[in-house]
């Protein structure tokens, strides 16, 4: 483990939930491209990883420079058109979101 303190102010956003049933791979890919493009425009975005937890469950891990960056982006996302596109792939009502400040990286 790297114990340098270079990212100690970073914030990790963890979102866990379910995929919608029978989503075509090309739809999933298109939505993922839209999410990545939107994230790339957001202040403080560092990286994103989408993980399969088994079955239809996924965990989206997004790293931000600060908690404020994460919260601002979450507010913008909830008001924008990307949320409707995401709802075609993710069962949004199943998601829980947590934010954690990085202590050591």
PDB file of N, CA and C in Angstrom:
ATOM      1  N   UNK A   1       0.837  -1.176   0.000  1.00  0.00           N
ATOM      2  CA  UNK A   1       0.000   0.000   0.000  1.00  0.00           C
ATOM      3  C   UNK A   1       0.881   1.237   0.000  1.00  0.00           C
ATOM      4  N   UNK A   2       0.555   2.172  -0.858  1.00  0.00           N
ATOM      5  CA  UNK A   2       1.235   3.456  -0.905  1.00  0.00           C
ATOM      6  C   UNK A   2       0.667   4.313   0.221  1.00  0.00           C
ATOM      7  N   UNK A   3       1.516   4.752   1.110  1.00  0.00           N
ATOM      8  CA  UNK A   3       1.026   5.531   2.249  1.00  0.00           C
ATOM      9  C   UNK A   3       1.351   7.009   2.108  1.00  0.00           C
ATOM     10  N   UNK A   4       1.679   7.448   0.904  1.00  0.00           N
ATOM     11  CA  UNK A   4       1.873   8.876   0.729  1.00  0.00           C
ATOM     12  C   UNK A   4       0.532   9.550   0.892  1.00  0.00           C
ATOM     13  N   UNK A   5       0.562  10.784   1.273  1.00  0.00           N
ATOM     14  CA  UNK A   5      -0.658  11.503   1.595  1.00  0.00           C
ATOM     15  C   UNK A   5      -1.118  12.388   0.441  1.00  0.00           C
ATOM     16  N   UNK A   6      -0.780  12.037  -0.796  1.00  0.00           N
ATOM     17  CA  UNK A   6      -1.073  12.910  -1.924  1.00  0.00           C
ATOM     18  C   UNK A   6      -2.557  13.013  -2.242  1.00  0.00           C
ATOM     19  N   UNK A   7      -3.357  12.028  -1.854  1.00  0.00           N
ATOM     20  CA  UNK A   7      -4.785  12.094  -2.156  1.00  0.00           C
ATOM     21  C   UNK A   7      -5.633  12.132  -0.900  1.00  0.00           C
ATOM     22  N   UNK A   8      -5.055  12.532   0.210  1.00  0.00           N
ATOM     23  CA  UNK A   8      -5.792  12.494   1.471  1.00  0.00           C
ATOM     24  C   UNK A   8      -7.050  13.340   1.444  1.00  0.00           C
ATOM     25  N   UNK A   9      -7.100  14.346   0.595  1.00  0.00           N
ATOM     26  CA  UNK A   9      -8.302  15.174   0.545  1.00  0.00           C
ATOM     27  C   UNK A   9      -9.334  14.617  -0.437  1.00  0.00           C
ATOM     28  N   UNK A  10      -9.020  13.564  -1.146  1.00  0.00           N
ATOM     29  CA  UNK A  10      -9.943  13.003  -2.129  1.00  0.00           C
ATOM     30  C   UNK A  10     -11.157  12.385  -1.454  1.00  0.00           C
ATOM     31  N   UNK A  11     -12.210  12.235  -2.232  1.00  0.00           N
ATOM     32  CA  UNK A  11     -13.455  11.653  -1.754  1.00  0.00           C
ATOM     33  C   UNK A  11     -13.843  10.508  -2.696  1.00  0.00           C
ATOM     34  N   UNK A  12     -14.258   9.402  -2.116  1.00  0.00           N
ATOM     35  CA  UNK A  12     -14.724   8.257  -2.890  1.00  0.00           C
ATOM     36  C   UNK A  12     -16.251   8.208  -2.786  1.00  0.00           C
ATOM     37  N   UNK A  13     -16.889   8.124  -3.936  1.00  0.00           N
ATOM     38  CA  UNK A  13     -18.340   7.977  -3.997  1.00  0.00           C
ATOM     39  C   UNK A  13     -18.642   6.524  -4.334  1.00  0.00           C
ATOM     40  N   UNK A  14     -19.412   5.861  -3.477  1.00  0.00           N
ATOM     41  CA  UNK A  14     -19.784   4.459  -3.683  1.00  0.00           C
ATOM     42  C   UNK A  14     -21.285   4.400  -3.907  1.00  0.00           C
ATOM     43  N   UNK A  15     -21.683   3.920  -5.064  1.00  0.00           N
ATOM     44  CA  UNK A  15     -23.105   3.769  -5.376  1.00  0.00           C
ATOM     45  C   UNK A  15     -23.357   2.298  -5.681  1.00  0.00           C
ATOM     46  N   UNK A  16     -24.260   1.686  -4.926  1.00  0.00           N
ATOM     47  CA  UNK A  16     -24.592   0.274  -5.126  1.00  0.00           C
ATOM     48  C   UNK A  16     -26.065   0.141  -5.448  1.00  0.00           C
ATOM     49  N   UNK A  17     -26.352  -0.726  -6.422  1.00  0.00           N
ATOM     50  CA  UNK A  17     -27.735  -0.962  -6.797  1.00  0.00           C
ATOM     51  C   UNK A  17     -27.835  -2.045  -7.849  1.00  0.00           C
ATOM     52  N   UNK A  18     -28.977  -2.077  -8.508  1.00  0.00           N
ATOM     53  CA  UNK A  18     -29.252  -3.133  -9.478  1.00  0.00           C
ATOM     54  C   UNK A  18     -29.378  -2.589 -10.890  1.00  0.00           C
ATOM     55  N   UNK A  19     -29.026  -3.463 -11.829  1.00  0.00           N
ATOM     56  CA  UNK A  19     -29.266  -3.183 -13.237  1.00  0.00           C
ATOM     57  C   UNK A  19     -30.714  -3.527 -13.562  1.00  0.00           C
ATOM     58  N   UNK A  20     -31.253  -2.896 -14.567  1.00  0.00           N
ATOM     59  CA  UNK A  20     -32.569  -3.278 -15.065  1.00  0.00           C
ATOM     60  C   UNK A  20     -32.419  -4.617 -15.790  1.00  0.00           C
ATOM     61  N   UNK A  21     -33.452  -5.444 -15.785  1.00  0.00           N
ATOM     62  CA  UNK A  21     -33.354  -6.735 -16.476  1.00  0.00           C
ATOM     63  C   UNK A  21     -33.302  -6.565 -17.993  1.00  0.00           C
ATOM     64  N   UNK A  22     -32.594  -7.477 -18.624  1.00  0.00           N
ATOM     65  CA  UNK A  22     -32.562  -7.589 -20.092  1.00  0.00           C
ATOM     66  C   UNK A  22     -32.092  -6.342 -20.822  1.00  0.00           C
ATOM     67  N   UNK A  23     -31.110  -5.651 -20.266  1.00  0.00           N
ATOM     68  CA  UNK A  23     -30.546  -4.483 -20.954  1.00  0.00           C
ATOM     69  C   UNK A  23     -29.595  -4.980 -22.030  1.00  0.00           C
ATOM     70  N   UNK A  24     -29.812  -4.554 -23.244  1.00  0.00           N
ATOM     71  CA  UNK A  24     -28.956  -4.958 -24.363  1.00  0.00           C
ATOM     72  C   UNK A  24     -27.547  -4.396 -24.165  1.00  0.00           C
ATOM     73  N   UNK A  25     -26.529  -5.186 -24.511  1.00  0.00           N
ATOM     74  CA  UNK A  25     -25.144  -4.723 -24.325  1.00  0.00           C
ATOM     75  C   UNK A  25     -24.852  -3.392 -25.019  1.00  0.00           C
ATOM     76  N   UNK A  26     -25.439  -3.168 -26.188  1.00  0.00           N
ATOM     77  CA  UNK A  26     -25.169  -1.906 -26.899  1.00  0.00           C
ATOM     78  C   UNK A  26     -25.795  -0.714 -26.166  1.00  0.00           C
ATOM     79  N   UNK A  27     -26.923  -0.934 -25.481  1.00  0.00           N
ATOM     80  CA  UNK A  27     -27.534   0.133 -24.685  1.00  0.00           C
ATOM     81  C   UNK A  27     -26.647   0.426 -23.475  1.00  0.00           C
ATOM     82  N   UNK A  28     -26.185  -0.633 -22.799  1.00  0.00           N
ATOM     83  CA  UNK A  28     -25.282  -0.467 -21.654  1.00  0.00           C
ATOM     84  C   UNK A  28     -24.038   0.304 -22.075  1.00  0.00           C
ATOM     85  N   UNK A  29     -23.448  -0.060 -23.203  1.00  0.00           N
ATOM     86  CA  UNK A  29     -22.234   0.620 -23.679  1.00  0.00           C
ATOM     87  C   UNK A  29     -22.495   2.092 -23.975  1.00  0.00           C
ATOM     88  N   UNK A  30     -23.616   2.381 -24.606  1.00  0.00           N
ATOM     89  CA  UNK A  30     -23.938   3.767 -24.943  1.00  0.00           C
ATOM     90  C   UNK A  30     -24.120   4.611 -23.685  1.00  0.00           C
ATOM     91  N   UNK A  31     -24.809   4.070 -22.706  1.00  0.00           N
ATOM     92  CA  UNK A  31     -25.019   4.807 -21.454  1.00  0.00           C
ATOM     93  C   UNK A  31     -23.696   5.008 -20.732  1.00  0.00           C
ATOM     94  N   UNK A  32     -22.848   3.992 -20.714  1.00  0.00           N
ATOM     95  CA  UNK A  32     -21.549   4.121 -20.056  1.00  0.00           C
ATOM     96  C   UNK A  32     -20.706   5.203 -20.732  1.00  0.00           C
ATOM     97  N   UNK A  33     -20.751   5.275 -22.058  1.00  0.00           N
ATOM     98  CA  UNK A  33     -20.018   6.336 -22.773  1.00  0.00           C
ATOM     99  C   UNK A  33     -20.553   7.711 -22.394  1.00  0.00           C
ATOM    100  N   UNK A  34     -21.873   7.831 -22.271  1.00  0.00           N
ATOM    101  CA  UNK A  34     -22.471   9.117 -21.875  1.00  0.00           C
ATOM    102  C   UNK A  34     -22.046   9.510 -20.468  1.00  0.00           C
ATOM    103  N   UNK A  35     -22.053   8.544 -19.550  1.00  0.00           N
ATOM    104  CA  UNK A  35     -21.640   8.825 -18.171  1.00  0.00           C
ATOM    105  C   UNK A  35     -20.181   9.275 -18.144  1.00  0.00           C
ATOM    106  N   UNK A  36     -19.318   8.541 -18.834  1.00  0.00           N
ATOM    107  CA  UNK A  36     -17.888   8.883 -18.851  1.00  0.00           C
ATOM    108  C   UNK A  36     -17.666  10.275 -19.452  1.00  0.00           C
ATOM    109  N   UNK A  37     -18.385  10.594 -20.523  1.00  0.00           N
ATOM    110  CA  UNK A  37     -18.235  11.912 -21.153  1.00  0.00           C
ATOM    111  C   UNK A  37     -18.679  13.015 -20.206  1.00  0.00           C
ATOM    112  N   UNK A  38     -19.789  12.797 -19.512  1.00  0.00           N
ATOM    113  CA  UNK A  38     -20.280  13.794 -18.561  1.00  0.00           C
ATOM    114  C   UNK A  38     -19.300  13.964 -17.403  1.00  0.00           C
ATOM    115  N   UNK A  39     -18.831  12.850 -16.851  1.00  0.00           N
ATOM    116  CA  UNK A  39     -17.883  12.926 -15.738  1.00  0.00           C
ATOM    117  C   UNK A  39     -16.626  13.699 -16.122  1.00  0.00           C
ATOM    118  N   UNK A  40     -16.163  13.503 -17.348  1.00  0.00           N
ATOM    119  CA  UNK A  40     -14.935  14.172 -17.807  1.00  0.00           C
ATOM    120  C   UNK A  40     -15.079  15.698 -17.794  1.00  0.00           C
ATOM    121  N   UNK A  41     -16.306  16.202 -17.811  1.00  0.00           N
ATOM    122  CA  UNK A  41     -16.527  17.654 -17.789  1.00  0.00           C
ATOM    123  C   UNK A  41     -16.685  18.200 -16.377  1.00  0.00           C
ATOM    124  N   UNK A  42     -16.721  17.323 -15.382  1.00  0.00           N
ATOM    125  CA  UNK A  42     -17.001  17.748 -14.014  1.00  0.00           C
ATOM    126  C   UNK A  42     -15.744  18.124 -13.251  1.00  0.00           C
ATOM    127  N   UNK A  43     -15.802  19.260 -12.592  1.00  0.00           N
ATOM    128  CA  UNK A  43     -14.690  19.726 -11.767  1.00  0.00           C
ATOM    129  C   UNK A  43     -14.379  18.690 -10.693  1.00  0.00           C
ATOM    130  N   UNK A  44     -13.115  18.324 -10.577  1.00  0.00           N
ATOM    131  CA  UNK A  44     -12.667  17.442  -9.514  1.00  0.00           C
ATOM    132  C   UNK A  44     -12.765  15.957  -9.810  1.00  0.00           C
ATOM    133  N   UNK A  45     -13.307  15.586 -10.969  1.00  0.00           N
ATOM    134  CA  UNK A  45     -13.403  14.160 -11.298  1.00  0.00           C
ATOM    135  C   UNK A  45     -12.010  13.576 -11.487  1.00  0.00           C
ATOM    136  N   UNK A  46     -11.766  12.411 -10.871  1.00  0.00           N
ATOM    137  CA  UNK A  46     -10.475  11.738 -10.988  1.00  0.00           C
ATOM    138  C   UNK A  46     -10.604  10.461 -11.809  1.00  0.00           C
ATOM    139  N   UNK A  47     -11.484   9.537 -11.377  1.00  0.00           N
ATOM    140  CA  UNK A  47     -11.646   8.274 -12.107  1.00  0.00           C
ATOM    141  C   UNK A  47     -12.931   7.582 -11.672  1.00  0.00           C
ATOM    142  N   UNK A  48     -13.359   6.632 -12.508  1.00  0.00           N
ATOM    143  CA  UNK A  48     -14.572   5.861 -12.229  1.00  0.00           C
ATOM    144  C   UNK A  48     -14.323   4.398 -12.542  1.00  0.00           C
ATOM    145  N   UNK A  49     -14.876   3.519 -11.699  1.00  0.00           N
ATOM    146  CA  UNK A  49     -14.820   2.077 -11.922  1.00  0.00           C
ATOM    147  C   UNK A  49     -16.209   1.515 -11.643  1.00  0.00           C
ATOM    148  N   UNK A  50     -16.749   0.754 -12.580  1.00  0.00           N
ATOM    149  CA  UNK A  50     -18.037   0.084 -12.390  1.00  0.00           C
ATOM    150  C   UNK A  50     -17.744  -1.394 -12.168  1.00  0.00           C
ATOM    151  N   UNK A  51     -18.246  -1.937 -11.051  1.00  0.00           N
ATOM    152  CA  UNK A  51     -17.956  -3.315 -10.656  1.00  0.00           C
ATOM    153  C   UNK A  51     -19.222  -4.153 -10.634  1.00  0.00           C
ATOM    154  N   UNK A  52     -19.104  -5.427 -11.017  1.00  0.00           N
ATOM    155  CA  UNK A  52     -20.201  -6.379 -10.924  1.00  0.00           C
ATOM    156  C   UNK A  52     -20.109  -7.059  -9.567  1.00  0.00           C
ATOM    157  N   UNK A  53     -21.179  -6.959  -8.773  1.00  0.00           N
ATOM    158  CA  UNK A  53     -21.209  -7.586  -7.451  1.00  0.00           C
ATOM    159  C   UNK A  53     -21.835  -8.977  -7.499  1.00  0.00           C
ATOM    160  N   UNK A  54     -22.246  -9.393  -8.673  1.00  0.00           N
ATOM    161  CA  UNK A  54     -22.902 -10.688  -8.838  1.00  0.00           C
ATOM    162  C   UNK A  54     -24.372 -10.493  -9.163  1.00  0.00           C
ATOM    163  N   UNK A  55     -24.879 -11.333 -10.027  1.00  0.00           N
ATOM    164  CA  UNK A  55     -26.268 -11.203 -10.446  1.00  0.00           C
ATOM    165  C   UNK A  55     -26.473  -9.867 -11.134  1.00  0.00           C
ATOM    166  N   UNK A  56     -27.510  -9.168 -10.729  1.00  0.00           N
ATOM    167  CA  UNK A  56     -27.802  -7.867 -11.339  1.00  0.00           C
ATOM    168  C   UNK A  56     -27.252  -6.705 -10.519  1.00  0.00           C
ATOM    169  N   UNK A  57     -26.469  -6.987  -9.469  1.00  0.00           N
ATOM    170  CA  UNK A  57     -25.964  -5.945  -8.568  1.00  0.00           C
ATOM    171  C   UNK A  57     -24.639  -5.367  -9.065  1.00  0.00           C
ATOM    172  N   UNK A  58     -24.540  -4.042  -8.987  1.00  0.00           N
ATOM    173  CA  UNK A  58     -23.323  -3.343  -9.392  1.00  0.00           C
ATOM    174  C   UNK A  58     -22.910  -2.341  -8.320  1.00  0.00           C
ATOM    175  N   UNK A  59     -21.634  -1.982  -8.355  1.00  0.00           N
ATOM    176  CA  UNK A  59     -21.112  -0.917  -7.508  1.00  0.00           C
ATOM    177  C   UNK A  59     -20.330   0.028  -8.403  1.00  0.00           C
ATOM    178  N   UNK A  60     -20.693   1.288  -8.356  1.00  0.00           N
ATOM    179  CA  UNK A  60     -20.017   2.334  -9.112  1.00  0.00           C
ATOM    180  C   UNK A  60     -19.122   3.075  -8.126  1.00  0.00           C
ATOM    181  N   UNK A  61     -17.828   3.126  -8.413  1.00  0.00           N
ATOM    182  CA  UNK A  61     -16.864   3.788  -7.543  1.00  0.00           C
ATOM    183  C   UNK A  61     -16.299   4.983  -8.306  1.00  0.00           C
ATOM    184  N   UNK A  62     -16.526   6.166  -7.775  1.00  0.00           N
ATOM    185  CA  UNK A  62     -16.050   7.388  -8.434  1.00  0.00           C
ATOM    186  C   UNK A  62     -15.163   8.132  -7.453  1.00  0.00           C
ATOM    187  N   UNK A  63     -13.988   8.507  -7.915  1.00  0.00           N
ATOM    188  CA  UNK A  63     -13.064   9.273  -7.082  1.00  0.00           C
ATOM    189  C   UNK A  63     -13.102  10.735  -7.505  1.00  0.00           C
ATOM    190  N   UNK A  64     -13.220  11.587  -6.498  1.00  0.00           N
ATOM    191  CA  UNK A  64     -13.255  13.029  -6.695  1.00  0.00           C
ATOM    192  C   UNK A  64     -12.124  13.675  -5.904  1.00  0.00           C
ATOM    193  N   UNK A  65     -11.699  14.870  -6.322  1.00  0.00           N
ATOM    194  CA  UNK A  65     -10.657  15.577  -5.580  1.00  0.00           C
ATOM    195  C   UNK A  65     -11.141  15.998  -4.197  1.00  0.00           C
ATOM    196  N   UNK A  66     -12.414  16.399  -4.108  1.00  0.00           N
ATOM    197  CA  UNK A  66     -12.953  16.814  -2.808  1.00  0.00           C
ATOM    198  C   UNK A  66     -14.402  16.328  -2.678  1.00  0.00           C
ATOM    199  N   UNK A  67     -14.877  16.269  -1.457  1.00  0.00           N
ATOM    200  CA  UNK A  67     -16.280  15.935  -1.207  1.00  0.00           C
ATOM    201  C   UNK A  67     -17.193  16.988  -1.848  1.00  0.00           C
ATOM    202  N   UNK A  68     -16.771  18.241  -1.817  1.00  0.00           N
ATOM    203  CA  UNK A  68     -17.566  19.309  -2.424  1.00  0.00           C
ATOM    204  C   UNK A  68     -17.740  19.071  -3.917  1.00  0.00           C
ATOM    205  N   UNK A  69     -16.673  18.625  -4.600  1.00  0.00           N
ATOM    206  CA  UNK A  69     -16.772  18.301  -6.022  1.00  0.00           C
ATOM    207  C   UNK A  69     -17.801  17.190  -6.245  1.00  0.00           C
ATOM    208  N   UNK A  70     -17.747  16.159  -5.398  1.00  0.00           N
ATOM    209  CA  UNK A  70     -18.673  15.028  -5.526  1.00  0.00           C
ATOM    210  C   UNK A  70     -20.114  15.481  -5.324  1.00  0.00           C
ATOM    211  N   UNK A  71     -20.351  16.281  -4.317  1.00  0.00           N
ATOM    212  CA  UNK A  71     -21.707  16.723  -4.011  1.00  0.00           C
ATOM    213  C   UNK A  71     -22.249  17.653  -5.091  1.00  0.00           C
ATOM    214  N   UNK A  72     -21.409  18.528  -5.614  1.00  0.00           N
ATOM    215  CA  UNK A  72     -21.822  19.431  -6.687  1.00  0.00           C
ATOM    216  C   UNK A  72     -22.216  18.627  -7.922  1.00  0.00           C
ATOM    217  N   UNK A  73     -21.388  17.650  -8.278  1.00  0.00           N
ATOM    218  CA  UNK A  73     -21.678  16.834  -9.457  1.00  0.00           C
ATOM    219  C   UNK A  73     -22.961  16.026  -9.256  1.00  0.00           C
ATOM    220  N   UNK A  74     -23.173  15.486  -8.061  1.00  0.00           N
ATOM    221  CA  UNK A  74     -24.378  14.716  -7.790  1.00  0.00           C
ATOM    222  C   UNK A  74     -25.620  15.605  -7.932  1.00  0.00           C
ATOM    223  N   UNK A  75     -25.514  16.840  -7.482  1.00  0.00           N
ATOM    224  CA  UNK A  75     -26.630  17.776  -7.636  1.00  0.00           C
ATOM    225  C   UNK A  75     -26.915  18.086  -9.090  1.00  0.00           C
ATOM    226  N   UNK A  76     -25.863  18.313  -9.873  1.00  0.00           N
ATOM    227  CA  UNK A  76     -26.036  18.583 -11.304  1.00  0.00           C
ATOM    228  C   UNK A  76     -26.615  17.372 -12.020  1.00  0.00           C
ATOM    229  N   UNK A  77     -26.129  16.195 -11.675  1.00  0.00           N
ATOM    230  CA  UNK A  77     -26.609  14.970 -12.319  1.00  0.00           C
ATOM    231  C   UNK A  77     -28.100  14.774 -12.063  1.00  0.00           C
ATOM    232  N   UNK A  78     -28.528  15.022 -10.842  1.00  0.00           N
ATOM    233  CA  UNK A  78     -29.931  14.791 -10.498  1.00  0.00           C
ATOM    234  C   UNK A  78     -30.871  15.740 -11.237  1.00  0.00           C
ATOM    235  N   UNK A  79     -30.354  16.864 -11.717  1.00  0.00           N
ATOM    236  CA  UNK A  79     -31.171  17.846 -12.418  1.00  0.00           C
ATOM    237  C   UNK A  79     -31.045  17.775 -13.937  1.00  0.00           C
ATOM    238  N   UNK A  80     -30.141  16.939 -14.431  1.00  0.00           N
ATOM    239  CA  UNK A  80     -29.849  16.946 -15.863  1.00  0.00           C
ATOM    240  C   UNK A  80     -30.445  15.784 -16.632  1.00  0.00           C
ATOM    241  N   UNK A  81     -30.318  15.822 -17.944  1.00  0.00           N
ATOM    242  CA  UNK A  81     -30.901  14.796 -18.815  1.00  0.00           C
ATOM    243  C   UNK A  81     -30.212  13.435 -18.736  1.00  0.00           C
ATOM    244  N   UNK A  82     -28.980  13.384 -18.242  1.00  0.00           N
ATOM    245  CA  UNK A  82     -28.278  12.108 -18.152  1.00  0.00           C
ATOM    246  C   UNK A  82     -28.978  11.149 -17.197  1.00  0.00           C
ATOM    247  N   UNK A  83     -29.642  11.663 -16.189  1.00  0.00           N
ATOM    248  CA  UNK A  83     -30.326  10.806 -15.215  1.00  0.00           C
ATOM    249  C   UNK A  83     -31.376   9.936 -15.912  1.00  0.00           C
ATOM    250  N   UNK A  84     -32.120  10.486 -16.851  1.00  0.00           N
ATOM    251  CA  UNK A  84     -33.128   9.705 -17.579  1.00  0.00           C
ATOM    252  C   UNK A  84     -32.469   8.615 -18.411  1.00  0.00           C
ATOM    253  N   UNK A  85     -31.343   8.931 -19.006  1.00  0.00           N
ATOM    254  CA  UNK A  85     -30.608   7.931 -19.783  1.00  0.00           C
ATOM    255  C   UNK A  85     -30.090   6.819 -18.877  1.00  0.00           C
ATOM    256  N   UNK A  86     -29.581   7.187 -17.716  1.00  0.00           N
ATOM    257  CA  UNK A  86     -29.086   6.186 -16.767  1.00  0.00           C
ATOM    258  C   UNK A  86     -30.211   5.268 -16.296  1.00  0.00           C
ATOM    259  N   UNK A  87     -31.412   5.807 -16.187  1.00  0.00           N
ATOM    260  CA  UNK A  87     -32.554   5.019 -15.718  1.00  0.00           C
ATOM    261  C   UNK A  87     -32.947   3.919 -16.697  1.00  0.00           C
ATOM    262  N   UNK A  88     -32.457   3.972 -17.925  1.00  0.00           N
ATOM    263  CA  UNK A  88     -32.738   2.895 -18.882  1.00  0.00           C
ATOM    264  C   UNK A  88     -31.890   1.663 -18.586  1.00  0.00           C
ATOM    265  N   UNK A  89     -30.812   1.837 -17.842  1.00  0.00           N
ATOM    266  CA  UNK A  89     -29.874   0.744 -17.532  1.00  0.00           C
ATOM    267  C   UNK A  89     -29.912   0.369 -16.053  1.00  0.00           C
ATOM    268  N   UNK A  90     -29.962   1.366 -15.193  1.00  0.00           N
ATOM    269  CA  UNK A  90     -29.908   1.137 -13.750  1.00  0.00           C
ATOM    270  C   UNK A  90     -31.301   1.293 -13.131  1.00  0.00           C
ATOM    271  N   UNK A  91     -31.637   0.406 -12.209  1.00  0.00           N
ATOM    272  CA  UNK A  91     -32.870   0.552 -11.419  1.00  0.00           C
ATOM    273  C   UNK A  91     -32.544   1.550 -10.315  1.00  0.00           C
ATOM    274  N   UNK A  92     -32.702   2.824 -10.605  1.00  0.00           N
ATOM    275  CA  UNK A  92     -32.209   3.885  -9.734  1.00  0.00           C
ATOM    276  C   UNK A  92     -32.817   3.836  -8.335  1.00  0.00           C
ATOM    277  N   UNK A  93     -34.024   3.340  -8.214  1.00  0.00           N
ATOM    278  CA  UNK A  93     -34.651   3.272  -6.891  1.00  0.00           C
ATOM    279  C   UNK A  93     -34.012   2.217  -5.981  1.00  0.00           C
ATOM    280  N   UNK A  94     -33.122   1.394  -6.539  1.00  0.00           N
ATOM    281  CA  UNK A  94     -32.423   0.382  -5.734  1.00  0.00           C
ATOM    282  C   UNK A  94     -31.065   0.871  -5.241  1.00  0.00           C
ATOM    283  N   UNK A  95     -30.650   2.047  -5.667  1.00  0.00           N
ATOM    284  CA  UNK A  95     -29.297   2.515  -5.374  1.00  0.00           C
ATOM    285  C   UNK A  95     -29.186   3.206  -4.028  1.00  0.00           C
ATOM    286  N   UNK A  96     -28.072   2.934  -3.362  1.00  0.00           N
ATOM    287  CA  UNK A  96     -27.674   3.691  -2.178  1.00  0.00           C
ATOM    288  C   UNK A  96     -26.328   4.305  -2.502  1.00  0.00           C
ATOM    289  N   UNK A  97     -26.122   5.520  -2.028  1.00  0.00           N
ATOM    290  CA  UNK A  97     -24.892   6.263  -2.329  1.00  0.00           C
ATOM    291  C   UNK A  97     -24.261   6.707  -1.019  1.00  0.00           C
ATOM    292  N   UNK A  98     -22.954   6.471  -0.915  1.00  0.00           N
ATOM    293  CA  UNK A  98     -22.179   6.918   0.238  1.00  0.00           C
ATOM    294  C   UNK A  98     -20.963   7.687  -0.258  1.00  0.00           C
ATOM    295  N   UNK A  99     -20.500   8.612   0.559  1.00  0.00           N
ATOM    296  CA  UNK A  99     -19.274   9.341   0.277  1.00  0.00           C
ATOM    297  C   UNK A  99     -18.315   9.126   1.435  1.00  0.00           C
ATOM    298  N   UNK A 100     -17.057   8.877   1.097  1.00  0.00           N
ATOM    299  CA  UNK A 100     -16.037   8.630   2.115  1.00  0.00           C
ATOM    300  C   UNK A 100     -14.790   9.426   1.767  1.00  0.00           C
ATOM    301  N   UNK A 101     -14.270  10.151   2.738  1.00  0.00           N
ATOM    302  CA  UNK A 101     -13.038  10.899   2.541  1.00  0.00           C
ATOM    303  C   UNK A 101     -11.852   9.944   2.674  1.00  0.00           C
ATOM    304  N   UNK A 102     -10.924  10.044   1.732  1.00  0.00           N
ATOM    305  CA  UNK A 102      -9.731   9.189   1.739  1.00  0.00           C
ATOM    306  C   UNK A 102      -8.821   9.625   2.883  1.00  0.00           C
ATOM    307  N   UNK A 103      -8.393   8.655   3.661  1.00  0.00           N
ATOM    308  CA  UNK A 103      -7.455   8.922   4.758  1.00  0.00           C
ATOM    309  C   UNK A 103      -6.028   8.643   4.296  1.00  0.00           C
ATOM    310  N   UNK A 104      -5.822   7.474   3.701  1.00  0.00           N
ATOM    311  CA  UNK A 104      -4.503   7.072   3.211  1.00  0.00           C
ATOM    312  C   UNK A 104      -4.700   6.405   1.856  1.00  0.00           C
ATOM    313  N   UNK A 105      -3.793   6.715   0.949  1.00  0.00           N
ATOM    314  CA  UNK A 105      -3.862   6.109  -0.376  1.00  0.00           C
ATOM    315  C   UNK A 105      -2.493   5.582  -0.749  1.00  0.00           C
TER     316      UNK A 105
END
